[in-house]
Amino acid sequence: MTEPLPLPVAAAPEHLERRAALLLVLLAVLVTASIGFVLYARGAFEATQRVVLVADDSEGVVVGMDLTFSGFPIGRVRRTELAADGSVRIVVDVPVKDAHWLRTSSVFTLTRNLVGGTAIKAYSGVPADPPLPAGAERRVLSGDAAAEIPRIMADVRALLANLTALTAPDAALAGTLDNVQRLTGRIDDKLGGKRGALDLLLGDEAPRLVQTLARTSQLLADVGGLVRRADQQLLGEQGLLADTQAAVKQAGALLGQARDSLQKVDAVLKEAEAVARNARVASTDLGALRADVEASLRKVDMLVNDVNRLWPLKRDPEIKLP
């Protein structure tokens, strides 16, 4: 038996080799471009400055985590490391173009929420402060919402216990509500009477109080009438005050006349002193002087009597009120 002859192998065309090589080169370029784009998108080629945040622990902090300012990412966690004193150092790279948002007075917080992951935030209250230098270390303020759950649950338990004790059948609130209900029932019963709530508050003393108030009102009315009548007698047209004013005017006129008489007496005395050497003339002038003096004394006596009769302060007149 004869063996079959081998088939001739056709030579590969040269253009297929070139296409394969070109495809491999293109694939390598695409992979390199993708890697470069990813690195560029993650800021691998961007100038950054480093900020170190010191925290008590790094729970929830992962590499690549964003540092946000007003909700916008301005930095990225590069790595975390443990310090010699047991604290955690969180190294954050901040792009130079965004570093102006961080100031020397900026505050950094690390919050762990119940819903969602951990967040690192920066707050700058005074934008006019100097910029934060590169490599600065800042203490981060931590806030864990989950840590407050035990305290909140304890407060809720205490509140429920107090509420249960407050609403118990033998509690003070139940007794108070019972008393209020009985009081409202008594008010409903008493409101149908003449005095209503007054009977509820004073009980049997309510009629006496009403009677006392009525007598007081009548007494005030009588006192008002008495005051009006006294005012009319004292200050009216024919009252005591008008008579007193007339008496004062009359007394003033009499005093004026007495003053004139005394002036005449003074003049006569001067003339009598001047003519004392002439006995006959002096006796005539002295007779006239005596007559004038007696007339003046009578006028003064009348004036005193009128003043004693009319002046109300001299005597104690009794005013009889109706």
Protein backbone atom coordinates (compact mmCIF):
# COMPACT_ATOMS: atom_id res chain seq x y z
CA MET A 1 0.00 0.00 0.00
CA THR A 2 1.38 3.31 -1.03
CA GLU A 3 1.51 6.33 1.37
CA PRO A 4 -0.38 9.55 0.34
CA LEU A 5 1.72 12.46 -0.62
CA PRO A 6 1.63 15.54 1.74
CA LEU A 7 -0.30 18.57 0.56
CA PRO A 8 1.74 21.70 -0.13
CA VAL A 9 1.40 24.48 2.53
CA ALA A 10 0.46 27.86 1.12
CA ALA A 11 2.59 30.78 2.22
CA ALA A 12 0.80 33.43 4.45
CA PRO A 13 0.31 36.70 2.71
CA GLU A 14 2.46 39.53 4.01
CA HIS A 15 -0.47 41.97 4.39
CA LEU A 16 -2.11 39.76 7.00
CA GLU A 17 0.98 39.98 9.18
CA ARG A 18 1.02 43.75 8.89
CA ARG A 19 -2.66 43.96 9.86
CA ALA A 20 -2.09 41.80 12.90
CA ALA A 21 0.86 43.90 14.01
CA LEU A 22 -1.12 47.08 13.46
CA LEU A 23 -4.01 45.68 15.49
CA LEU A 24 -1.69 44.82 18.37
CA VAL A 25 -0.16 48.31 18.31
CA LEU A 26 -3.61 49.89 18.21
CA LEU A 27 -4.74 47.76 21.15
CA ALA A 28 -1.69 48.79 23.17
CA VAL A 29 -2.30 52.47 22.38
CA LEU A 30 -5.94 52.16 23.46
CA VAL A 31 -4.98 50.48 26.72
CA THR A 32 -2.31 53.10 27.41
CA ALA A 33 -4.71 55.93 26.57
CA SER A 34 -7.37 54.44 28.86
CA ILE A 35 -4.90 54.14 31.71
CA GLY A 36 -3.70 57.68 31.14
CA PHE A 37 -7.26 59.02 31.01
CA VAL A 38 -8.17 57.26 34.24
CA LEU A 39 -5.07 58.63 35.92
CA TYR A 40 -5.83 62.11 34.60
CA ALA A 41 -9.44 61.89 35.71
CA ARG A 42 -8.29 60.90 39.18
CA GLY A 43 -5.87 63.83 39.30
CA ALA A 44 -2.67 61.83 39.04
CA PHE A 45 -1.03 64.51 36.91
CA GLU A 46 -2.48 67.50 38.80
CA ALA A 47 -0.39 69.59 41.20
CA THR A 48 -1.59 69.00 44.77
CA GLN A 49 -0.71 69.99 48.31
CA ARG A 50 -0.99 67.70 51.30
CA VAL A 51 -3.18 68.19 54.39
CA VAL A 52 -2.98 65.80 57.34
CA LEU A 53 -6.11 65.28 59.42
CA VAL A 54 -5.71 63.73 62.88
CA ALA A 55 -8.62 61.63 64.18
CA ASP A 56 -9.24 59.18 67.03
CA ASP A 57 -10.00 56.29 64.67
CA SER A 58 -10.31 55.67 60.95
CA GLU A 59 -13.52 53.67 60.95
CA GLY A 60 -15.33 54.27 57.66
CA VAL A 61 -12.39 56.14 56.08
CA VAL A 62 -11.12 54.54 52.85
CA VAL A 63 -8.45 55.53 50.37
CA GLY A 64 -9.92 57.59 47.53
CA MET A 65 -12.58 59.14 49.74
CA ASP A 66 -13.43 62.79 48.92
CA LEU A 67 -12.88 65.83 51.13
CA THR A 68 -15.86 68.11 50.43
CA PHE A 69 -16.37 71.83 50.86
CA SER A 70 -19.94 73.17 50.49
CA GLY A 71 -20.87 69.85 48.88
CA PHE A 72 -18.08 69.91 46.25
CA PRO A 73 -15.04 67.57 46.36
CA ILE A 74 -11.82 69.55 46.77
CA GLY A 75 -9.50 66.76 47.92
CA ARG A 76 -9.01 63.01 48.09
CA VAL A 77 -7.76 60.71 50.82
CA ARG A 78 -4.38 59.37 49.74
CA ARG A 79 -3.67 57.05 52.64
CA THR A 80 -4.24 56.50 56.37
CA GLU A 81 -1.54 55.75 58.89
CA LEU A 82 -1.29 55.10 62.61
CA ALA A 83 0.67 57.64 64.67
CA ALA A 84 2.95 56.84 67.63
CA ASP A 85 0.37 58.15 70.15
CA GLY A 86 -2.38 55.86 68.81
CA SER A 87 -4.18 58.51 66.79
CA VAL A 88 -4.95 58.14 63.09
CA ARG A 89 -3.37 60.37 60.46
CA ILE A 90 -5.51 60.82 57.36
CA VAL A 91 -3.40 62.14 54.49
CA VAL A 92 -5.46 64.18 52.02
CA ASP A 93 -4.24 65.52 48.67
CA VAL A 94 -5.87 68.83 47.74
CA PRO A 95 -5.42 70.24 44.22
CA VAL A 96 -3.62 73.56 44.18
CA LYS A 97 -6.49 75.18 42.27
CA ASP A 98 -8.89 74.27 45.11
CA ALA A 99 -6.53 74.88 48.03
CA HIS A 100 -7.66 78.52 48.37
CA TRP A 101 -10.89 77.31 49.98
CA LEU A 102 -8.93 76.09 53.01
CA ARG A 103 -7.85 78.72 55.56
CA THR A 104 -5.95 78.63 58.80
CA SER A 105 -9.28 78.90 60.67
CA SER A 106 -10.95 76.10 58.70
CA VAL A 107 -12.67 73.32 60.63
CA PHE A 108 -12.64 69.67 59.48
CA THR A 109 -15.33 67.16 60.50
CA LEU A 110 -15.60 63.39 60.19
CA THR A 111 -19.24 62.28 60.37
CA ARG A 112 -20.61 58.77 60.33
CA ASN A 113 -24.28 58.79 59.32
CA LEU A 114 -26.93 56.17 59.92
CA VAL A 115 -27.80 56.20 56.24
CA GLY A 116 -24.86 56.51 53.86
CA GLY A 117 -21.15 56.31 54.40
CA THR A 118 -18.63 58.37 56.28
CA ALA A 119 -17.99 61.90 55.06
CA ILE A 120 -15.08 64.29 55.60
CA LYS A 121 -16.09 67.95 55.30
CA ALA A 122 -14.25 71.27 55.56
CA TYR A 123 -15.76 74.56 56.77
CA SER A 124 -14.12 77.98 56.35
CA GLY A 125 -15.93 80.63 58.35
CA VAL A 126 -13.58 83.55 57.66
CA PRO A 127 -12.50 83.64 53.99
CA ALA A 128 -10.16 86.58 54.72
CA ASP A 129 -7.86 84.46 56.92
CA PRO A 130 -4.46 83.33 55.53
CA PRO A 131 -4.49 80.21 53.33
CA LEU A 132 -3.77 76.85 54.92
CA PRO A 133 -0.09 75.98 54.30
CA ALA A 134 0.92 72.74 52.59
CA GLY A 135 1.54 69.82 54.97
CA ALA A 136 -0.50 71.41 57.78
CA GLU A 137 -1.99 69.12 60.44
CA ARG A 138 -5.47 69.77 61.75
CA ARG A 139 -7.53 67.96 64.37
CA VAL A 140 -10.73 66.60 62.90
CA LEU A 141 -14.02 66.79 64.80
CA SER A 142 -15.80 63.43 64.86
CA GLY A 143 -19.53 62.89 64.98
CA ASP A 144 -21.10 59.45 65.07
CA ALA A 145 -24.88 59.35 64.77
CA ALA A 146 -24.94 55.67 65.71
CA ALA A 147 -23.24 56.45 69.03
CA GLU A 148 -26.25 58.56 70.03
CA ILE A 149 -28.71 55.69 69.55
CA PRO A 150 -28.18 54.11 73.02
CA ARG A 151 -28.67 57.45 74.76
CA ILE A 152 -31.76 58.18 72.67
CA MET A 153 -33.20 54.74 73.46
CA ALA A 154 -32.54 55.28 77.18
CA ASP A 155 -34.33 58.64 77.02
CA VAL A 156 -37.23 57.03 75.15
CA ARG A 157 -37.51 54.31 77.80
CA ALA A 158 -37.51 56.91 80.58
CA LEU A 159 -40.15 58.91 78.73
CA LEU A 160 -42.36 55.88 78.23
CA ALA A 161 -41.99 54.96 81.91
CA ASN A 162 -43.01 58.46 82.98
CA LEU A 163 -45.93 58.44 80.56
CA THR A 164 -47.09 55.08 81.88
CA ALA A 165 -46.88 56.31 85.47
CA LEU A 166 -48.70 59.50 84.53
CA THR A 167 -51.60 57.70 82.85
CA ALA A 168 -52.01 55.00 85.51
CA PRO A 169 -55.48 54.73 87.11
CA ASP A 170 -54.12 55.68 90.54
CA ALA A 171 -51.94 58.53 89.23
CA ALA A 172 -52.36 62.16 90.21
CA LEU A 173 -53.45 63.07 86.69
CA ALA A 174 -56.43 60.71 86.87
CA GLY A 175 -57.50 62.24 90.19
CA THR A 176 -57.13 65.73 88.78
CA LEU A 177 -59.22 64.89 85.73
CA ASP A 178 -61.87 63.36 88.00
CA ASN A 179 -61.98 66.54 90.08
CA VAL A 180 -62.23 68.67 86.94
CA GLN A 181 -65.09 66.53 85.69
CA ARG A 182 -66.98 66.90 88.99
CA LEU A 183 -66.29 70.63 88.98
CA THR A 184 -67.68 71.03 85.46
CA GLY A 185 -70.74 69.05 86.53
CA ARG A 186 -71.33 71.41 89.45
CA ILE A 187 -70.87 74.38 87.13
CA ASP A 188 -73.50 72.98 84.78
CA ASP A 189 -75.86 72.53 87.72
CA LYS A 190 -75.25 75.98 89.18
CA LEU A 191 -75.36 77.95 85.94
CA GLY A 192 -79.12 77.54 85.91
CA GLY A 193 -79.45 79.65 89.08
CA LYS A 194 -79.32 83.40 89.48
CA ARG A 195 -75.76 83.62 90.71
CA GLY A 196 -74.22 80.64 88.87
CA ALA A 197 -70.47 80.42 89.45
CA LEU A 198 -70.75 82.64 92.56
CA ASP A 199 -72.73 79.94 94.34
CA LEU A 200 -70.12 77.40 93.19
CA LEU A 201 -67.21 79.39 94.61
CA LEU A 202 -68.73 80.71 97.87
CA GLY A 203 -71.43 78.19 98.61
CA ASP A 204 -73.73 79.35 101.45
CA GLU A 205 -71.85 82.67 101.78
CA ALA A 206 -72.95 83.84 98.31
CA PRO A 207 -76.28 85.43 99.44
CA ARG A 208 -74.51 87.35 102.22
CA LEU A 209 -71.95 88.66 99.76
CA VAL A 210 -74.66 89.77 97.35
CA GLN A 211 -76.53 91.52 100.18
CA THR A 212 -73.34 93.22 101.38
CA LEU A 213 -72.60 94.44 97.88
CA ALA A 214 -76.14 95.84 97.55
CA ARG A 215 -75.83 97.69 100.88
CA THR A 216 -72.43 99.02 99.89
CA SER A 217 -73.83 100.32 96.61
CA GLN A 218 -76.71 102.08 98.43
CA LEU A 219 -74.28 103.56 100.99
CA LEU A 220 -72.09 104.90 98.18
CA ALA A 221 -75.13 106.47 96.55
CA ASP A 222 -76.12 108.17 99.85
CA VAL A 223 -72.57 109.41 100.39
CA GLY A 224 -72.54 110.80 96.85
CA GLY A 225 -75.74 112.76 97.48
CA LEU A 226 -74.39 114.03 100.80
CA VAL A 227 -71.20 115.20 99.13
CA ARG A 228 -73.16 117.01 96.43
CA ARG A 229 -75.32 118.81 99.01
CA ALA A 230 -72.30 119.78 101.10
CA ASP A 231 -70.59 121.07 98.00
CA GLN A 232 -73.64 123.17 97.14
CA GLN A 233 -73.82 124.65 100.67
CA LEU A 234 -70.12 125.40 100.83
CA LEU A 235 -69.36 126.44 97.27
CA GLY A 236 -72.76 127.52 95.91
CA GLU A 237 -73.85 131.06 95.14
CA GLN A 238 -75.38 131.46 98.61
CA GLY A 239 -72.94 129.17 100.38
CA LEU A 240 -70.64 129.77 103.27
CA LEU A 241 -67.67 130.47 101.07
CA ALA A 242 -69.48 133.31 99.24
CA ASP A 243 -70.47 134.92 102.58
CA THR A 244 -66.91 134.61 103.84
CA GLN A 245 -65.55 136.29 100.73
CA ALA A 246 -68.03 139.21 101.14
CA ALA A 247 -67.05 139.57 104.81
CA VAL A 248 -63.38 139.65 103.90
CA LYS A 249 -64.02 142.38 101.34
CA GLN A 250 -66.01 144.45 103.88
CA ALA A 251 -63.30 143.96 106.50
CA GLY A 252 -60.75 145.17 103.97
CA ALA A 253 -62.76 148.33 103.34
CA LEU A 254 -63.11 149.02 107.11
CA LEU A 255 -59.38 148.49 107.60
CA GLY A 256 -58.74 151.01 104.83
CA GLN A 257 -60.92 153.56 106.56
CA ALA A 258 -59.15 152.91 109.87
CA ARG A 259 -55.81 153.42 108.17
CA ASP A 260 -56.98 156.77 106.80
CA SER A 261 -58.16 157.82 110.28
CA LEU A 262 -54.85 156.85 111.83
CA GLN A 263 -53.04 158.91 109.20
CA LYS A 264 -55.16 161.89 110.15
CA VAL A 265 -54.36 161.28 113.84
CA ASP A 266 -50.68 161.21 113.01
CA ALA A 267 -50.93 164.51 111.15
CA VAL A 268 -52.88 166.09 113.99
CA LEU A 269 -50.34 164.91 116.54
CA LYS A 270 -47.59 166.49 114.51
CA GLU A 271 -49.53 169.77 114.40
CA ALA A 272 -50.23 169.53 118.15
CA GLU A 273 -46.54 169.11 118.84
CA ALA A 274 -45.80 172.13 116.64
CA VAL A 275 -48.35 174.40 118.36
CA ALA A 276 -47.96 173.13 121.90
CA ARG A 277 -46.88 176.56 123.01
CA ASN A 278 -50.22 178.07 122.00
CA ALA A 279 -52.60 176.77 124.67
CA ARG A 280 -55.83 178.08 123.22
CA VAL A 281 -55.16 176.83 119.75
CA ALA A 282 -53.82 173.58 121.15
CA SER A 283 -56.97 173.00 123.23
CA THR A 284 -59.18 173.48 120.14
CA ASP A 285 -57.03 171.08 118.07
CA LEU A 286 -56.93 168.57 120.90
CA GLY A 287 -60.72 168.61 121.08
CA ALA A 288 -60.95 167.87 117.38
CA LEU A 289 -58.26 165.25 117.82
CA ARG A 290 -60.18 163.61 120.61
CA ALA A 291 -63.30 163.52 118.48
CA ASP A 292 -61.38 161.96 115.58
CA VAL A 293 -59.71 159.39 117.85
CA GLU A 294 -63.06 158.41 119.36
CA ALA A 295 -64.56 158.09 115.89
CA SER A 296 -61.61 155.91 114.79
CA LEU A 297 -61.94 153.74 117.87
CA ARG A 298 -65.62 153.24 117.21
CA LYS A 299 -64.90 152.25 113.61
CA VAL A 300 -62.22 149.83 114.75
CA ASP A 301 -64.60 148.37 117.34
CA MET A 302 -67.25 147.93 114.63
CA LEU A 303 -64.67 146.36 112.35
CA VAL A 304 -63.63 143.86 115.03
CA ASN A 305 -67.25 142.98 115.75
CA ASP A 306 -67.97 142.45 112.04
CA VAL A 307 -64.89 140.30 111.65
CA ASN A 308 -65.84 138.22 114.70
CA ARG A 309 -69.33 137.80 113.32
CA LEU A 310 -68.47 137.00 109.70
CA TRP A 311 -65.06 135.31 109.82
CA PRO A 312 -65.71 131.50 109.92
CA LEU A 313 -62.39 130.61 111.56
CA LYS A 314 -63.07 132.68 114.66
CA ARG A 315 -65.90 130.47 115.75
CA ASP A 316 -66.63 126.80 115.29
CA PRO A 317 -69.81 126.85 113.26
CA GLU A 318 -71.64 123.58 113.09
CA ILE A 319 -72.59 122.51 109.60
CA LYS A 320 -75.64 120.33 109.72
CA LEU A 321 -75.83 118.06 106.74
CA PRO A 322 -79.12 116.56 105.72
